[in-house]
C-alpha atoms as a PDB file:
ATOM      1  CA  UNK A   1     -30.103  20.256 -14.930  1.00  0.00           C
ATOM      2  CA  UNK A   2     -30.868  17.838 -12.113  1.00  0.00           C
ATOM      3  CA  UNK A   3     -28.373  15.331 -13.525  1.00  0.00           C
ATOM      4  CA  UNK A   4     -25.688  18.020 -13.736  1.00  0.00           C
ATOM      5  CA  UNK A   5     -26.361  19.014 -10.142  1.00  0.00           C
ATOM      6  CA  UNK A   6     -26.110  15.402  -8.928  1.00  0.00           C
ATOM      7  CA  UNK A   7     -22.920  14.799 -10.891  1.00  0.00           C
ATOM      8  CA  UNK A   8     -21.334  17.963  -9.513  1.00  0.00           C
ATOM      9  CA  UNK A   9     -22.400  16.984  -6.006  1.00  0.00           C
ATOM     10  CA  UNK A  10     -20.849  13.536  -6.283  1.00  0.00           C
ATOM     11  CA  UNK A  11     -17.658  15.006  -7.671  1.00  0.00           C
ATOM     12  CA  UNK A  12     -17.447  17.527  -4.826  1.00  0.00           C
ATOM     13  CA  UNK A  13     -18.040  14.743  -2.307  1.00  0.00           C
ATOM     14  CA  UNK A  14     -15.245  12.654  -3.827  1.00  0.00           C
ATOM     15  CA  UNK A  15     -12.820  15.592  -3.808  1.00  0.00           C
ATOM     16  CA  UNK A  16     -13.651  16.484  -0.205  1.00  0.00           C
ATOM     17  CA  UNK A  17     -13.399  12.910   1.053  1.00  0.00           C
ATOM     18  CA  UNK A  18     -10.183  12.294  -0.887  1.00  0.00           C
ATOM     19  CA  UNK A  19      -8.639  15.380   0.722  1.00  0.00           C
ATOM     20  CA  UNK A  20      -9.767  14.236   4.184  1.00  0.00           C
ATOM     21  CA  UNK A  21      -8.482  10.704   3.637  1.00  0.00           C
ATOM     22  CA  UNK A  22      -5.196  12.071   2.329  1.00  0.00           C
ATOM     23  CA  UNK A  23      -4.850  14.224   5.449  1.00  0.00           C
ATOM     24  CA  UNK A  24      -5.658  11.185   7.608  1.00  0.00           C
ATOM     25  CA  UNK A  25      -2.926   9.163   5.873  1.00  0.00           C
ATOM     26  CA  UNK A  26      -0.409  11.935   6.589  1.00  0.00           C
ATOM     27  CA  UNK A  27      -1.485  12.173  10.233  1.00  0.00           C
ATOM     28  CA  UNK A  28      -1.183   8.403  10.669  1.00  0.00           C
ATOM     29  CA  UNK A  29       2.360   8.506   9.296  1.00  0.00           C
ATOM     30  CA  UNK A  30       3.432  11.502  11.359  1.00  0.00           C
ATOM     31  CA  UNK A  31       1.938   9.950  14.507  1.00  0.00           C
ATOM     32  CA  UNK A  32       4.838   7.488  14.445  1.00  0.00           C
ATOM     33  CA  UNK A  33       2.649   4.404  14.958  1.00  0.00           C
ATOM     34  CA  UNK A  34       4.921   1.868  13.278  1.00  0.00           C
ATOM     35  CA  UNK A  35       6.110  -1.690  13.875  1.00  0.00           C
ATOM     36  CA  UNK A  36       9.503  -2.650  12.412  1.00  0.00           C
ATOM     37  CA  UNK A  37       9.737  -5.846  10.364  1.00  0.00           C
ATOM     38  CA  UNK A  38      12.267  -7.900  12.385  1.00  0.00           C
ATOM     39  CA  UNK A  39      14.396  -9.292   9.512  1.00  0.00           C
ATOM     40  CA  UNK A  40      14.786  -5.814   7.945  1.00  0.00           C
ATOM     41  CA  UNK A  41      13.974  -3.150  10.570  1.00  0.00           C
ATOM     42  CA  UNK A  42      14.034  -0.300   8.048  1.00  0.00           C
ATOM     43  CA  UNK A  43      10.786  -1.788   6.680  1.00  0.00           C
ATOM     44  CA  UNK A  44       7.906  -0.786   8.941  1.00  0.00           C
ATOM     45  CA  UNK A  45       4.253  -1.694   9.172  1.00  0.00           C
ATOM     46  CA  UNK A  46       2.007   1.344   9.507  1.00  0.00           C
ATOM     47  CA  UNK A  47      -1.633   2.326   9.086  1.00  0.00           C
ATOM     48  CA  UNK A  48      -1.138   5.057   6.488  1.00  0.00           C
ATOM     49  CA  UNK A  49      -2.101   2.866   3.505  1.00  0.00           C
ATOM     50  CA  UNK A  50      -5.548   2.125   4.905  1.00  0.00           C
ATOM     51  CA  UNK A  51      -7.161   5.470   3.906  1.00  0.00           C
ATOM     52  CA  UNK A  52      -6.169   4.982   0.244  1.00  0.00           C
ATOM     53  CA  UNK A  53      -7.558   1.452   0.130  1.00  0.00           C
ATOM     54  CA  UNK A  54     -10.747   2.399   1.969  1.00  0.00           C
ATOM     55  CA  UNK A  55     -11.271   5.196  -0.550  1.00  0.00           C
ATOM     56  CA  UNK A  56     -10.943   2.665  -3.373  1.00  0.00           C
ATOM     57  CA  UNK A  57     -13.737   0.570  -1.884  1.00  0.00           C
ATOM     58  CA  UNK A  58     -15.998   3.459  -0.950  1.00  0.00           C
ATOM     59  CA  UNK A  59     -15.539   5.637  -4.046  1.00  0.00           C
ATOM     60  CA  UNK A  60     -13.376   4.687  -7.030  1.00  0.00           C
ATOM     61  CA  UNK A  61      -9.884   4.205  -8.415  1.00  0.00           C
ATOM     62  CA  UNK A  62      -9.209   7.882  -9.112  1.00  0.00           C
ATOM     63  CA  UNK A  63     -10.181   8.950  -5.605  1.00  0.00           C
ATOM     64  CA  UNK A  64      -7.865   6.312  -4.125  1.00  0.00           C
ATOM     65  CA  UNK A  65      -5.013   7.479  -6.363  1.00  0.00           C
ATOM     66  CA  UNK A  66      -5.678  11.064  -5.250  1.00  0.00           C
ATOM     67  CA  UNK A  67      -5.371  10.045  -1.583  1.00  0.00           C
ATOM     68  CA  UNK A  68      -2.104   8.207  -2.245  1.00  0.00           C
ATOM     69  CA  UNK A  69      -0.764  11.209  -4.166  1.00  0.00           C
ATOM     70  CA  UNK A  70      -1.671  13.659  -1.396  1.00  0.00           C
ATOM     71  CA  UNK A  71       0.099  11.386   1.081  1.00  0.00           C
ATOM     72  CA  UNK A  72       3.202  11.169  -1.119  1.00  0.00           C
ATOM     73  CA  UNK A  73       3.462  14.931  -1.709  1.00  0.00           C
ATOM     74  CA  UNK A  74       2.908  15.787   1.963  1.00  0.00           C
ATOM     75  CA  UNK A  75       5.503  13.253   3.157  1.00  0.00           C
ATOM     76  CA  UNK A  76       8.054  14.516   0.643  1.00  0.00           C
ATOM     77  CA  UNK A  77       7.567  18.046   1.975  1.00  0.00           C
ATOM     78  CA  UNK A  78       7.536  17.180   5.678  1.00  0.00           C
ATOM     79  CA  UNK A  79      10.499  14.808   5.560  1.00  0.00           C
ATOM     80  CA  UNK A  80      12.550  16.843   3.109  1.00  0.00           C
ATOM     81  CA  UNK A  81      13.540  13.873   0.949  1.00  0.00           C
ATOM     82  CA  UNK A  82      11.762  11.944  -1.772  1.00  0.00           C
ATOM     83  CA  UNK A  83      13.181   8.408  -1.884  1.00  0.00           C
ATOM     84  CA  UNK A  84      11.333   6.963   1.136  1.00  0.00           C
ATOM     85  CA  UNK A  85       7.982   8.586   0.294  1.00  0.00           C
ATOM     86  CA  UNK A  86       8.362   7.554  -3.363  1.00  0.00           C
ATOM     87  CA  UNK A  87       8.961   3.907  -2.437  1.00  0.00           C
ATOM     88  CA  UNK A  88       5.860   4.052  -0.244  1.00  0.00           C
ATOM     89  CA  UNK A  89       3.961   5.624  -3.132  1.00  0.00           C
ATOM     90  CA  UNK A  90       4.896   2.767  -5.469  1.00  0.00           C
ATOM     91  CA  UNK A  91       3.797   0.224  -2.844  1.00  0.00           C
ATOM     92  CA  UNK A  92       0.410   1.878  -2.321  1.00  0.00           C
ATOM     93  CA  UNK A  93      -0.254   2.407  -6.044  1.00  0.00           C
ATOM     94  CA  UNK A  94       0.539  -1.218  -6.871  1.00  0.00           C
ATOM     95  CA  UNK A  95      -1.738  -2.433  -4.054  1.00  0.00           C
ATOM     96  CA  UNK A  96      -4.588  -0.206  -5.212  1.00  0.00           C
ATOM     97  CA  UNK A  97      -4.170  -1.386  -8.815  1.00  0.00           C
ATOM     98  CA  UNK A  98      -4.239  -5.072  -7.863  1.00  0.00           C
ATOM     99  CA  UNK A  99      -7.353  -4.688  -5.714  1.00  0.00           C
ATOM    100  CA  UNK A 100      -9.086  -2.600  -8.368  1.00  0.00           C
ATOM    101  CA  UNK A 101      -8.512  -5.189 -11.103  1.00  0.00           C
ATOM    102  CA  UNK A 102      -9.809  -7.921  -8.794  1.00  0.00           C
ATOM    103  CA  UNK A 103     -12.945  -5.921  -8.022  1.00  0.00           C
ATOM    104  CA  UNK A 104     -13.525  -5.381 -11.751  1.00  0.00           C
ATOM    105  CA  UNK A 105     -13.103  -9.065 -12.601  1.00  0.00           C
ATOM    106  CA  UNK A 106     -15.808 -10.263 -10.194  1.00  0.00           C
ATOM    107  CA  UNK A 107     -17.991  -7.245  -9.486  1.00  0.00           C
ATOM    108  CA  UNK A 108     -20.997  -9.027  -8.010  1.00  0.00           C
ATOM    109  CA  UNK A 109     -19.233 -11.740  -6.037  1.00  0.00           C
ATOM    110  CA  UNK A 110     -17.863 -10.046  -2.941  1.00  0.00           C
ATOM    111  CA  UNK A 111     -15.623 -12.779  -1.543  1.00  0.00           C
ATOM    112  CA  UNK A 112     -14.296 -13.861  -4.920  1.00  0.00           C
ATOM    113  CA  UNK A 113     -13.541 -10.298  -6.026  1.00  0.00           C
ATOM    114  CA  UNK A 114     -11.707  -9.557  -2.788  1.00  0.00           C
ATOM    115  CA  UNK A 115      -9.606 -12.734  -2.933  1.00  0.00           C
ATOM    116  CA  UNK A 116      -8.689 -12.142  -6.587  1.00  0.00           C
ATOM    117  CA  UNK A 117      -7.885  -8.506  -5.834  1.00  0.00           C
ATOM    118  CA  UNK A 118      -5.771  -9.448  -2.845  1.00  0.00           C
ATOM    119  CA  UNK A 119      -3.684 -11.954  -4.798  1.00  0.00           C
ATOM    120  CA  UNK A 120      -3.259  -9.527  -7.677  1.00  0.00           C
ATOM    121  CA  UNK A 121      -2.179  -6.891  -5.162  1.00  0.00           C
ATOM    122  CA  UNK A 122       0.365  -9.365  -3.740  1.00  0.00           C
ATOM    123  CA  UNK A 123       1.766 -10.049  -7.192  1.00  0.00           C
ATOM    124  CA  UNK A 124       1.853  -6.491  -8.526  1.00  0.00           C
ATOM    125  CA  UNK A 125       3.175  -5.009  -5.283  1.00  0.00           C
ATOM    126  CA  UNK A 126       5.886  -7.626  -4.791  1.00  0.00           C
ATOM    127  CA  UNK A 127       6.997  -7.380  -8.418  1.00  0.00           C
ATOM    128  CA  UNK A 128       7.028  -3.565  -8.373  1.00  0.00           C
ATOM    129  CA  UNK A 129       8.820  -3.324  -5.052  1.00  0.00           C
ATOM    130  CA  UNK A 130      11.351  -6.019  -5.963  1.00  0.00           C
ATOM    131  CA  UNK A 131      12.368  -4.033  -9.035  1.00  0.00           C
ATOM    132  CA  UNK A 132      12.354  -0.739  -7.133  1.00  0.00           C
ATOM    133  CA  UNK A 133      14.369  -2.150  -4.222  1.00  0.00           C
ATOM    134  CA  UNK A 134      16.931  -3.714  -6.547  1.00  0.00           C
ATOM    135  CA  UNK A 135      17.473  -0.370  -8.275  1.00  0.00           C
ATOM    136  CA  UNK A 136      17.756   1.489  -4.958  1.00  0.00           C
ATOM    137  CA  UNK A 137      20.049  -1.045  -3.276  1.00  0.00           C
ATOM    138  CA  UNK A 138      22.238  -1.616  -6.319  1.00  0.00           C
ATOM    139  CA  UNK A 139      22.553   1.851  -7.812  1.00  0.00           C
ATOM    140  CA  UNK A 140      21.023   4.634  -5.713  1.00  0.00           C
ATOM    141  CA  UNK A 141      21.883   3.770  -2.112  1.00  0.00           C
ATOM    142  CA  UNK A 142      24.352   0.863  -1.786  1.00  0.00           C
ATOM    143  CA  UNK A 143      24.757   1.710   1.919  1.00  0.00           C
ATOM    144  CA  UNK A 144      21.213   0.439   2.441  1.00  0.00           C
ATOM    145  CA  UNK A 145      22.269  -2.843   0.853  1.00  0.00           C
ATOM    146  CA  UNK A 146      25.144  -3.102   3.337  1.00  0.00           C
ATOM    147  CA  UNK A 147      22.724  -2.369   6.184  1.00  0.00           C
ATOM    148  CA  UNK A 148      20.268  -4.972   4.862  1.00  0.00           C
ATOM    149  CA  UNK A 149      23.024  -7.598   4.736  1.00  0.00           C
ATOM    150  CA  UNK A 150      23.943  -6.807   8.350  1.00  0.00           C
ATOM    151  CA  UNK A 151      20.308  -7.014   9.488  1.00  0.00           C
ATOM    152  CA  UNK A 152      19.680 -10.352   7.767  1.00  0.00           C
ATOM    153  CA  UNK A 153      22.971 -11.782   9.004  1.00  0.00           C
ATOM    154  CA  UNK A 154      21.917 -10.954  12.559  1.00  0.00           C
ATOM    155  CA  UNK A 155      18.354 -12.216  12.084  1.00  0.00           C
ATOM    156  CA  UNK A 156      19.311 -15.478  10.358  1.00  0.00           C
ATOM    157  CA  UNK A 157      22.442 -15.897  12.488  1.00  0.00           C
ATOM    158  CA  UNK A 158      24.626 -16.542   9.475  1.00  0.00           C
ATOM    159  CA  UNK A 159      27.449 -14.566   7.927  1.00  0.00           C
ATOM    160  CA  UNK A 160      26.077 -13.260   4.643  1.00  0.00           C
ATOM    161  CA  UNK A 161      28.451 -11.968   2.007  1.00  0.00           C
ATOM    162  CA  UNK A 162      27.556  -8.964  -0.141  1.00  0.00           C
ATOM    163  CA  UNK A 163      26.692 -10.847  -3.292  1.00  0.00           C
ATOM    164  CA  UNK A 164      23.808 -12.086  -5.420  1.00  0.00           C
ATOM    165  CA  UNK A 165      22.621 -14.427  -2.662  1.00  0.00           C
ATOM    166  CA  UNK A 166      22.357 -11.604  -0.150  1.00  0.00           C
ATOM    167  CA  UNK A 167      20.467  -9.433  -2.637  1.00  0.00           C
ATOM    168  CA  UNK A 168      18.092 -12.316  -3.330  1.00  0.00           C
ATOM    169  CA  UNK A 169      17.413 -12.804   0.374  1.00  0.00           C
ATOM    170  CA  UNK A 170      16.754  -9.108   0.897  1.00  0.00           C
ATOM    171  CA  UNK A 171      14.299  -9.104  -2.026  1.00  0.00           C
ATOM    172  CA  UNK A 172      12.654 -12.285  -0.661  1.00  0.00           C
ATOM    173  CA  UNK A 173      12.139 -10.880   2.846  1.00  0.00           C
ATOM    174  CA  UNK A 174      11.002  -7.571   1.381  1.00  0.00           C
ATOM    175  CA  UNK A 175       8.352  -9.473  -0.593  1.00  0.00           C
ATOM    176  CA  UNK A 176       7.206 -11.257   2.572  1.00  0.00           C
ATOM    177  CA  UNK A 177       6.901  -7.865   4.250  1.00  0.00           C
ATOM    178  CA  UNK A 178       4.860  -6.515   1.331  1.00  0.00           C
ATOM    179  CA  UNK A 179       2.454  -9.464   1.410  1.00  0.00           C
ATOM    180  CA  UNK A 180       1.890  -8.997   5.151  1.00  0.00           C
ATOM    181  CA  UNK A 181       1.491  -5.228   4.771  1.00  0.00           C
ATOM    182  CA  UNK A 182      -1.064  -5.706   1.983  1.00  0.00           C
ATOM    183  CA  UNK A 183      -3.137  -7.948   4.261  1.00  0.00           C
ATOM    184  CA  UNK A 184      -2.903  -5.407   7.093  1.00  0.00           C
ATOM    185  CA  UNK A 185      -3.928  -2.519   4.835  1.00  0.00           C
ATOM    186  CA  UNK A 186      -6.766  -4.325   3.036  1.00  0.00           C
ATOM    187  CA  UNK A 187      -8.345  -5.977   6.085  1.00  0.00           C
ATOM    188  CA  UNK A 188     -10.413  -2.919   7.201  1.00  0.00           C
ATOM    189  CA  UNK A 189     -11.866  -2.639   3.686  1.00  0.00           C
ATOM    190  CA  UNK A 190     -12.802  -6.331   3.823  1.00  0.00           C
ATOM    191  CA  UNK A 191     -14.664  -5.807   7.112  1.00  0.00           C
ATOM    192  CA  UNK A 192     -16.561  -2.771   5.803  1.00  0.00           C
ATOM    193  CA  UNK A 193     -17.541  -4.308   2.452  1.00  0.00           C
ATOM    194  CA  UNK A 194     -18.551  -7.566   4.134  1.00  0.00           C
ATOM    195  CA  UNK A 195     -20.847  -5.697   6.508  1.00  0.00           C
ATOM    196  CA  UNK A 196     -22.381  -3.645   3.682  1.00  0.00           C
ATOM    197  CA  UNK A 197     -22.868  -6.819   1.654  1.00  0.00           C
ATOM    198  CA  UNK A 198     -24.584  -8.505   4.592  1.00  0.00           C
ATOM    199  CA  UNK A 199     -26.947  -5.569   5.111  1.00  0.00           C
ATOM    200  CA  UNK A 200     -27.790  -5.483   1.414  1.00  0.00           C
ATOM    201  CA  UNK A 201     -28.761  -9.163   1.501  1.00  0.00           C
ATOM    202  CA  UNK A 202     -30.926  -8.631   4.596  1.00  0.00           C
ATOM    203  CA  UNK A 203     -32.737  -5.707   3.006  1.00  0.00           C
ATOM    204  CA  UNK A 204     -33.850  -7.761   0.006  1.00  0.00           C
END
């Protein structure tokens, strides 16, 4: 009976915290605190991924996925369109998955697990978003491809043509953006886990 009570309590805590973190992610997005990525200004750094990643470190994979899902659903409702929120959803899910696998590979070695997780997050996120962006730019919204070519032409100060080379450059700079955004989003979790790890060592 005691075990059942403790299990139910932990589950309730996870649900409550996931809901709060999901709400925080939505608030951070709606606050408009964003920094455009200069080569492709439609890509923007924001803080809304941090709650999902913090939840992964504090609780577990399923709680983090719940936060990301709450964020996705709320954004789709508030903004009245699904493409942008869905692309964000893919980015967050791939980051969470990479970090989670890294944490599982080296559970007891904090620094190693974080580095492995970070590099796996880079790889999975960049691969996922490269495929997703190619599909969107090529088939769903070619006007965004035209806009991306214009932005890169201005940034690089060259006259890009709308061909394979331009698509490759857009995918390349999008991958650079995703690597930088992963670092930004995962850094708070690194600080928190490092501090907890340090306190655990001191208490021994």
